[in-house]
Amino acid sequence: MSRDTENLIASLSTGLKPVRSQLPVDLIALLWLASSAAFVMAITHLFGPLRPNALTQLATEPRFLLETVLGGVAISYTAVVAFRSAVPGAASKRSMLLAVSLIALWLANYGIGLAHPALEPSMLGKRDHCVFETLMFAVPPACMAFLLTRRLYPLKPVYSALLFSLVAGMLPALYMQLACMYAPLHIIQMHIIPGLLVMLAGGATAWLINWVKRRRSQS
């Protein structure tokens, strides 16, 4: 080995520090999901109580319980897939398709509910500002996901942002099923659509950041 090569290796290795290994991506996703769900529940209670009969309805109305559980499963699985998509080769097209299909299956319940609701529609528990609460409560989880996935290596950052922003938007939308009035049309307009807007905003933000990076690299 030549002295120039030895000097180059020595200069490159000077000052290097050991780097802690990254947590498994599934664990990162579950920790984010758990902390985000806890945040959404806590801040929802801070702004107002649950619908008075919500927990009783969960225990006595099988379809309402199934609807709620399906939402939880769809959101949880999509959260894992979202973070996997930020690691090259960790998320397959099949898993991403399944995640979107589960979300669509859950949301389809409210479309069916327009004609055959799981519960008798009622104004009981109505929150005057639930649409704004759904939007506000989704922002911190979405921002945290942006920071966490930047430490990974998303090859398609817009797709990843769309998925985890979808989860961030759907978390308060799902909990509003217990915290706000139950009426399918109200749920679609005031809970689901705001959650989907969070997804679009997250995807647009990721696209803009990626566009700015490309422009800077070209200049």
C-alpha atoms as a PDB file:
ATOM      1  CA  MET A   1       0.000   0.000   0.000  1.00  0.00           C
ATOM      2  CA  SER A   2       1.432   3.383  -0.990  1.00  0.00           C
ATOM      3  CA  ARG A   3       2.085   6.099   1.550  1.00  0.00           C
ATOM      4  CA  ASP A   4      -0.436   8.385  -0.207  1.00  0.00           C
ATOM      5  CA  THR A   5      -3.157   5.755   0.241  1.00  0.00           C
ATOM      6  CA  GLU A   6      -2.235   5.284   3.886  1.00  0.00           C
ATOM      7  CA  ASN A   7      -2.375   9.030   4.462  1.00  0.00           C
ATOM      8  CA  LEU A   8      -5.765   9.221   2.730  1.00  0.00           C
ATOM      9  CA  ILE A   9      -7.200   6.418   4.910  1.00  0.00           C
ATOM     10  CA  ALA A  10      -5.765   8.041   8.033  1.00  0.00           C
ATOM     11  CA  SER A  11      -7.270  11.432   7.147  1.00  0.00           C
ATOM     12  CA  LEU A  12     -10.682   9.937   6.422  1.00  0.00           C
ATOM     13  CA  SER A  13     -10.769   7.944   9.651  1.00  0.00           C
ATOM     14  CA  THR A  14      -9.629  10.795  11.889  1.00  0.00           C
ATOM     15  CA  GLY A  15     -12.340  11.948  14.255  1.00  0.00           C
ATOM     16  CA  LEU A  16     -14.797   9.188  13.382  1.00  0.00           C
ATOM     17  CA  LYS A  17     -17.249   8.304  16.141  1.00  0.00           C
ATOM     18  CA  PRO A  18     -19.264   5.119  16.559  1.00  0.00           C
ATOM     19  CA  VAL A  19     -22.854   5.387  15.316  1.00  0.00           C
ATOM     20  CA  ARG A  20     -25.678   3.748  17.217  1.00  0.00           C
ATOM     21  CA  SER A  21     -27.623   1.229  15.158  1.00  0.00           C
ATOM     22  CA  GLN A  22     -31.075   2.260  13.926  1.00  0.00           C
ATOM     23  CA  LEU A  23     -34.118   0.772  15.654  1.00  0.00           C
ATOM     24  CA  PRO A  24     -36.061  -1.751  13.542  1.00  0.00           C
ATOM     25  CA  VAL A  25     -38.443   0.135  11.290  1.00  0.00           C
ATOM     26  CA  ASP A  26     -41.488  -1.793  12.537  1.00  0.00           C
ATOM     27  CA  LEU A  27     -40.637  -0.803  16.111  1.00  0.00           C
ATOM     28  CA  ILE A  28     -40.260   2.849  15.068  1.00  0.00           C
ATOM     29  CA  ALA A  29     -43.671   2.672  13.400  1.00  0.00           C
ATOM     30  CA  LEU A  30     -45.362   1.108  16.425  1.00  0.00           C
ATOM     31  CA  LEU A  31     -43.766   3.580  18.845  1.00  0.00           C
ATOM     32  CA  TRP A  32     -44.914   6.459  16.647  1.00  0.00           C
ATOM     33  CA  LEU A  33     -48.394   4.979  16.357  1.00  0.00           C
ATOM     34  CA  ALA A  34     -48.714   4.412  20.106  1.00  0.00           C
ATOM     35  CA  SER A  35     -47.492   7.913  21.000  1.00  0.00           C
ATOM     36  CA  SER A  36     -49.678   9.502  18.303  1.00  0.00           C
ATOM     37  CA  ALA A  37     -52.773   7.604  19.436  1.00  0.00           C
ATOM     38  CA  ALA A  38     -52.087   8.577  23.054  1.00  0.00           C
ATOM     39  CA  PHE A  39     -51.677  12.225  22.024  1.00  0.00           C
ATOM     40  CA  VAL A  40     -54.914  12.221  20.007  1.00  0.00           C
ATOM     41  CA  MET A  41     -56.903  10.646  22.841  1.00  0.00           C
ATOM     42  CA  ALA A  42     -55.444  12.973  25.460  1.00  0.00           C
ATOM     43  CA  ILE A  43     -55.985  16.196  23.536  1.00  0.00           C
ATOM     44  CA  THR A  44     -59.478  15.089  22.463  1.00  0.00           C
ATOM     45  CA  HIS A  45     -60.424  14.650  26.121  1.00  0.00           C
ATOM     46  CA  LEU A  46     -58.842  18.010  26.881  1.00  0.00           C
ATOM     47  CA  PHE A  47     -61.233  19.667  24.431  1.00  0.00           C
ATOM     48  CA  GLY A  48     -64.285  17.734  25.626  1.00  0.00           C
ATOM     49  CA  PRO A  49     -65.616  14.391  26.922  1.00  0.00           C
ATOM     50  CA  LEU A  50     -66.553  11.299  24.949  1.00  0.00           C
ATOM     51  CA  ARG A  51     -70.121  10.921  23.754  1.00  0.00           C
ATOM     52  CA  PRO A  52     -72.049   9.846  26.889  1.00  0.00           C
ATOM     53  CA  ASN A  53     -73.174   6.456  25.534  1.00  0.00           C
ATOM     54  CA  ALA A  54     -70.181   5.700  23.276  1.00  0.00           C
ATOM     55  CA  LEU A  55     -68.571   2.983  25.401  1.00  0.00           C
ATOM     56  CA  THR A  56     -71.928   1.330  26.070  1.00  0.00           C
ATOM     57  CA  GLN A  57     -72.573   1.258  22.319  1.00  0.00           C
ATOM     58  CA  LEU A  58     -69.215  -0.398  21.740  1.00  0.00           C
ATOM     59  CA  ALA A  59     -70.175  -3.146  24.162  1.00  0.00           C
ATOM     60  CA  THR A  60     -73.728  -3.660  22.926  1.00  0.00           C
ATOM     61  CA  GLU A  61     -73.679  -2.888  19.180  1.00  0.00           C
ATOM     62  CA  PRO A  62     -71.622  -5.523  17.280  1.00  0.00           C
ATOM     63  CA  ARG A  63     -71.553  -3.634  13.992  1.00  0.00           C
ATOM     64  CA  PHE A  64     -70.392  -0.423  15.661  1.00  0.00           C
ATOM     65  CA  LEU A  65     -67.665  -2.426  17.433  1.00  0.00           C
ATOM     66  CA  LEU A  66     -66.625  -4.094  14.167  1.00  0.00           C
ATOM     67  CA  GLU A  67     -66.549  -0.725  12.401  1.00  0.00           C
ATOM     68  CA  THR A  68     -64.321   0.728  15.115  1.00  0.00           C
ATOM     69  CA  VAL A  69     -61.998  -2.280  15.313  1.00  0.00           C
ATOM     70  CA  LEU A  70     -61.655  -2.360  11.517  1.00  0.00           C
ATOM     71  CA  GLY A  71     -60.610   1.295  11.597  1.00  0.00           C
ATOM     72  CA  GLY A  72     -58.003   0.561  14.253  1.00  0.00           C
ATOM     73  CA  VAL A  73     -56.588  -2.415  12.331  1.00  0.00           C
ATOM     74  CA  ALA A  74     -56.495  -0.476   9.041  1.00  0.00           C
ATOM     75  CA  ILE A  75     -54.747   2.504  10.627  1.00  0.00           C
ATOM     76  CA  SER A  76     -52.211   0.333  12.496  1.00  0.00           C
ATOM     77  CA  TYR A  77     -51.269  -1.714   9.439  1.00  0.00           C
ATOM     78  CA  THR A  78     -50.996   1.387   7.258  1.00  0.00           C
ATOM     79  CA  ALA A  79     -48.699   3.009   9.831  1.00  0.00           C
ATOM     80  CA  VAL A  80     -46.286   0.066   9.647  1.00  0.00           C
ATOM     81  CA  VAL A  81     -46.376   0.061   5.832  1.00  0.00           C
ATOM     82  CA  ALA A  82     -45.831   3.847   5.756  1.00  0.00           C
ATOM     83  CA  PHE A  83     -42.603   3.590   7.730  1.00  0.00           C
ATOM     84  CA  ARG A  84     -41.487   0.512   5.809  1.00  0.00           C
ATOM     85  CA  SER A  85     -41.911   2.486   2.596  1.00  0.00           C
ATOM     86  CA  ALA A  86     -39.199   4.849   3.869  1.00  0.00           C
ATOM     87  CA  VAL A  87     -36.675   1.976   3.861  1.00  0.00           C
ATOM     88  CA  PRO A  88     -35.593   0.675   0.430  1.00  0.00           C
ATOM     89  CA  GLY A  89     -37.043  -2.783  -0.192  1.00  0.00           C
ATOM     90  CA  ALA A  90     -38.885  -3.010   3.146  1.00  0.00           C
ATOM     91  CA  ALA A  91     -42.413  -2.454   1.791  1.00  0.00           C
ATOM     92  CA  SER A  92     -43.820  -4.511  -1.065  1.00  0.00           C
ATOM     93  CA  LYS A  93     -46.435  -3.319  -3.526  1.00  0.00           C
ATOM     94  CA  ARG A  94     -48.759  -5.983  -2.131  1.00  0.00           C
ATOM     95  CA  SER A  95     -48.462  -4.604   1.425  1.00  0.00           C
ATOM     96  CA  MET A  96     -49.120  -1.058   0.222  1.00  0.00           C
ATOM     97  CA  LEU A  97     -52.145  -2.230  -1.758  1.00  0.00           C
ATOM     98  CA  LEU A  98     -53.434  -4.117   1.283  1.00  0.00           C
ATOM     99  CA  ALA A  99     -53.002  -1.034   3.481  1.00  0.00           C
ATOM    100  CA  VAL A 100     -54.973   1.171   1.099  1.00  0.00           C
ATOM    101  CA  SER A 101     -57.618  -1.564   0.695  1.00  0.00           C
ATOM    102  CA  LEU A 102     -58.092  -1.839   4.468  1.00  0.00           C
ATOM    103  CA  ILE A 103     -58.524   1.917   4.794  1.00  0.00           C
ATOM    104  CA  ALA A 104     -60.999   1.911   1.885  1.00  0.00           C
ATOM    105  CA  LEU A 105     -62.921  -1.008   3.408  1.00  0.00           C
ATOM    106  CA  TRP A 106     -63.193   0.821   6.713  1.00  0.00           C
ATOM    107  CA  LEU A 107     -64.314   4.083   5.109  1.00  0.00           C
ATOM    108  CA  ALA A 108     -66.832   2.215   2.944  1.00  0.00           C
ATOM    109  CA  ASN A 109     -68.761   1.441   6.133  1.00  0.00           C
ATOM    110  CA  TYR A 110     -69.752   5.081   6.389  1.00  0.00           C
ATOM    111  CA  GLY A 111     -70.932   5.106   2.790  1.00  0.00           C
ATOM    112  CA  ILE A 112     -73.076   2.056   3.541  1.00  0.00           C
ATOM    113  CA  GLY A 113     -74.135   3.759   6.751  1.00  0.00           C
ATOM    114  CA  LEU A 114     -75.814   6.547   4.796  1.00  0.00           C
ATOM    115  CA  ALA A 115     -78.558   4.006   4.049  1.00  0.00           C
ATOM    116  CA  HIS A 116     -77.994   1.478   6.850  1.00  0.00           C
ATOM    117  CA  PRO A 117     -76.128   3.116   9.762  1.00  0.00           C
ATOM    118  CA  ALA A 118     -74.444   1.001  12.427  1.00  0.00           C
ATOM    119  CA  LEU A 119     -76.140   3.165  15.079  1.00  0.00           C
ATOM    120  CA  GLU A 120     -79.242   5.287  15.068  1.00  0.00           C
ATOM    121  CA  PRO A 121     -77.993   8.739  13.953  1.00  0.00           C
ATOM    122  CA  SER A 122     -78.119  11.220  16.784  1.00  0.00           C
ATOM    123  CA  MET A 123     -76.929  14.710  17.701  1.00  0.00           C
ATOM    124  CA  LEU A 124     -75.857  13.426  21.127  1.00  0.00           C
ATOM    125  CA  GLY A 125     -72.247  14.374  21.872  1.00  0.00           C
ATOM    126  CA  LYS A 126     -71.926  16.805  18.956  1.00  0.00           C
ATOM    127  CA  ARG A 127     -68.796  18.930  19.077  1.00  0.00           C
ATOM    128  CA  ASP A 128     -69.201  22.393  17.593  1.00  0.00           C
ATOM    129  CA  HIS A 129     -65.657  22.490  16.182  1.00  0.00           C
ATOM    130  CA  CYS A 130     -64.945  18.819  15.451  1.00  0.00           C
ATOM    131  CA  VAL A 131     -63.801  19.535  11.889  1.00  0.00           C
ATOM    132  CA  PHE A 132     -61.076  21.880  13.129  1.00  0.00           C
ATOM    133  CA  GLU A 133     -60.178  19.538  15.975  1.00  0.00           C
ATOM    134  CA  THR A 134     -59.671  16.679  13.532  1.00  0.00           C
ATOM    135  CA  LEU A 135     -57.319  18.833  11.467  1.00  0.00           C
ATOM    136  CA  MET A 136     -55.392  20.239  14.442  1.00  0.00           C
ATOM    137  CA  PHE A 137     -54.988  16.935  16.257  1.00  0.00           C
ATOM    138  CA  ALA A 138     -53.496  15.315  13.137  1.00  0.00           C
ATOM    139  CA  VAL A 139     -50.745  17.876  12.592  1.00  0.00           C
ATOM    140  CA  PRO A 140     -48.315  16.954  15.438  1.00  0.00           C
ATOM    141  CA  PRO A 141     -48.301  13.198  14.577  1.00  0.00           C
ATOM    142  CA  ALA A 142     -47.738  14.039  10.903  1.00  0.00           C
ATOM    143  CA  CYS A 143     -44.845  16.390  11.743  1.00  0.00           C
ATOM    144  CA  MET A 144     -43.272  13.768  13.997  1.00  0.00           C
ATOM    145  CA  ALA A 145     -43.510  11.187  11.204  1.00  0.00           C
ATOM    146  CA  PHE A 146     -41.748  13.614   8.836  1.00  0.00           C
ATOM    147  CA  LEU A 147     -38.851  13.953  11.300  1.00  0.00           C
ATOM    148  CA  LEU A 148     -38.596  10.201  11.911  1.00  0.00           C
ATOM    149  CA  THR A 149     -38.677   9.186   8.256  1.00  0.00           C
ATOM    150  CA  ARG A 150     -35.959  11.721   7.403  1.00  0.00           C
ATOM    151  CA  ARG A 151     -33.619   9.526   9.462  1.00  0.00           C
ATOM    152  CA  LEU A 152     -34.455   6.615   7.180  1.00  0.00           C
ATOM    153  CA  TYR A 153     -33.899   6.585   3.429  1.00  0.00           C
ATOM    154  CA  PRO A 154     -37.177   7.067   1.562  1.00  0.00           C
ATOM    155  CA  LEU A 155     -36.642   6.611  -2.166  1.00  0.00           C
ATOM    156  CA  LYS A 156     -40.202   7.813  -2.803  1.00  0.00           C
ATOM    157  CA  PRO A 157     -40.728  10.394  -0.045  1.00  0.00           C
ATOM    158  CA  VAL A 158     -44.048  11.612  -1.460  1.00  0.00           C
ATOM    159  CA  TYR A 159     -45.578   8.115  -1.274  1.00  0.00           C
ATOM    160  CA  SER A 160     -44.292   7.686   2.284  1.00  0.00           C
ATOM    161  CA  ALA A 161     -45.645  11.104   3.269  1.00  0.00           C
ATOM    162  CA  LEU A 162     -49.050  10.334   1.773  1.00  0.00           C
ATOM    163  CA  LEU A 163     -49.280   7.116   3.789  1.00  0.00           C
ATOM    164  CA  PHE A 164     -48.183   8.389   7.192  1.00  0.00           C
ATOM    165  CA  SER A 165     -50.161  11.621   6.744  1.00  0.00           C
ATOM    166  CA  LEU A 166     -53.189   9.456   5.966  1.00  0.00           C
ATOM    167  CA  VAL A 167     -52.670   7.627   9.254  1.00  0.00           C
ATOM    168  CA  ALA A 168     -52.166  10.911  11.112  1.00  0.00           C
ATOM    169  CA  GLY A 169     -55.432  12.240   9.672  1.00  0.00           C
ATOM    170  CA  MET A 170     -57.399   9.080  10.323  1.00  0.00           C
ATOM    171  CA  LEU A 171     -56.391   8.759  13.994  1.00  0.00           C
ATOM    172  CA  PRO A 172     -58.525  11.712  15.185  1.00  0.00           C
ATOM    173  CA  ALA A 173     -61.201  10.807  12.615  1.00  0.00           C
ATOM    174  CA  LEU A 174     -61.524   7.363  14.191  1.00  0.00           C
ATOM    175  CA  TYR A 175     -61.548   8.646  17.766  1.00  0.00           C
ATOM    176  CA  MET A 176     -64.217  11.178  16.874  1.00  0.00           C
ATOM    177  CA  GLN A 177     -66.421   8.127  16.361  1.00  0.00           C
ATOM    178  CA  LEU A 178     -66.505   7.969  20.163  1.00  0.00           C
ATOM    179  CA  ALA A 179     -65.990  11.628  21.010  1.00  0.00           C
ATOM    180  CA  CYS A 180     -68.497  13.237  18.666  1.00  0.00           C
ATOM    181  CA  MET A 181     -72.032  12.578  17.434  1.00  0.00           C
ATOM    182  CA  TYR A 182     -72.678   9.457  15.365  1.00  0.00           C
ATOM    183  CA  ALA A 183     -74.227  10.216  11.987  1.00  0.00           C
ATOM    184  CA  PRO A 184     -72.586   8.817   8.822  1.00  0.00           C
ATOM    185  CA  LEU A 185     -72.972  12.007   6.774  1.00  0.00           C
ATOM    186  CA  HIS A 186     -71.527  14.103   9.600  1.00  0.00           C
ATOM    187  CA  ILE A 187     -68.659  11.624  10.016  1.00  0.00           C
ATOM    188  CA  ILE A 188     -67.799  11.767   6.307  1.00  0.00           C
ATOM    189  CA  GLN A 189     -67.991  15.554   6.056  1.00  0.00           C
ATOM    190  CA  MET A 190     -66.508  16.603   9.398  1.00  0.00           C
ATOM    191  CA  HIS A 191     -64.115  13.770  10.314  1.00  0.00           C
ATOM    192  CA  ILE A 192     -63.103  11.740   7.257  1.00  0.00           C
ATOM    193  CA  ILE A 193     -62.694  14.534   4.689  1.00  0.00           C
ATOM    194  CA  PRO A 194     -60.504  16.654   7.035  1.00  0.00           C
ATOM    195  CA  GLY A 195     -58.378  13.546   7.655  1.00  0.00           C
ATOM    196  CA  LEU A 196     -57.967  13.055   3.904  1.00  0.00           C
ATOM    197  CA  LEU A 197     -57.010  16.729   3.560  1.00  0.00           C
ATOM    198  CA  VAL A 198     -54.170  16.096   6.009  1.00  0.00           C
ATOM    199  CA  MET A 199     -52.976  13.286   3.712  1.00  0.00           C
ATOM    200  CA  LEU A 200     -53.004  15.609   0.692  1.00  0.00           C
ATOM    201  CA  ALA A 201     -51.228  18.358   2.638  1.00  0.00           C
ATOM    202  CA  GLY A 202     -48.550  15.908   3.775  1.00  0.00           C
ATOM    203  CA  GLY A 203     -47.985  14.657   0.241  1.00  0.00           C
ATOM    204  CA  ALA A 204     -47.836  18.210  -1.118  1.00  0.00           C
ATOM    205  CA  THR A 205     -45.334  19.213   1.572  1.00  0.00           C
ATOM    206  CA  ALA A 206     -43.089  16.244   0.761  1.00  0.00           C
ATOM    207  CA  TRP A 207     -43.286  17.042  -2.967  1.00  0.00           C
ATOM    208  CA  LEU A 208     -42.375  20.675  -2.334  1.00  0.00           C
ATOM    209  CA  ILE A 209     -39.407  19.748  -0.116  1.00  0.00           C
ATOM    210  CA  ASN A 210     -38.197  17.247  -2.708  1.00  0.00           C
ATOM    211  CA  TRP A 211     -38.589  19.841  -5.492  1.00  0.00           C
ATOM    212  CA  VAL A 212     -36.580  22.433  -3.566  1.00  0.00           C
ATOM    213  CA  LYS A 213     -33.801  19.879  -2.934  1.00  0.00           C
ATOM    214  CA  ARG A 214     -33.623  19.015  -6.626  1.00  0.00           C
ATOM    215  CA  ARG A 215     -33.450  22.679  -7.624  1.00  0.00           C
ATOM    216  CA  ARG A 216     -30.653  23.332  -5.121  1.00  0.00           C
ATOM    217  CA  SER A 217     -28.689  20.304  -6.339  1.00  0.00           C
ATOM    218  CA  GLN A 218     -28.986  21.515  -9.938  1.00  0.00           C
ATOM    219  CA  SER A 219     -27.868  25.071  -9.170  1.00  0.00           C
END
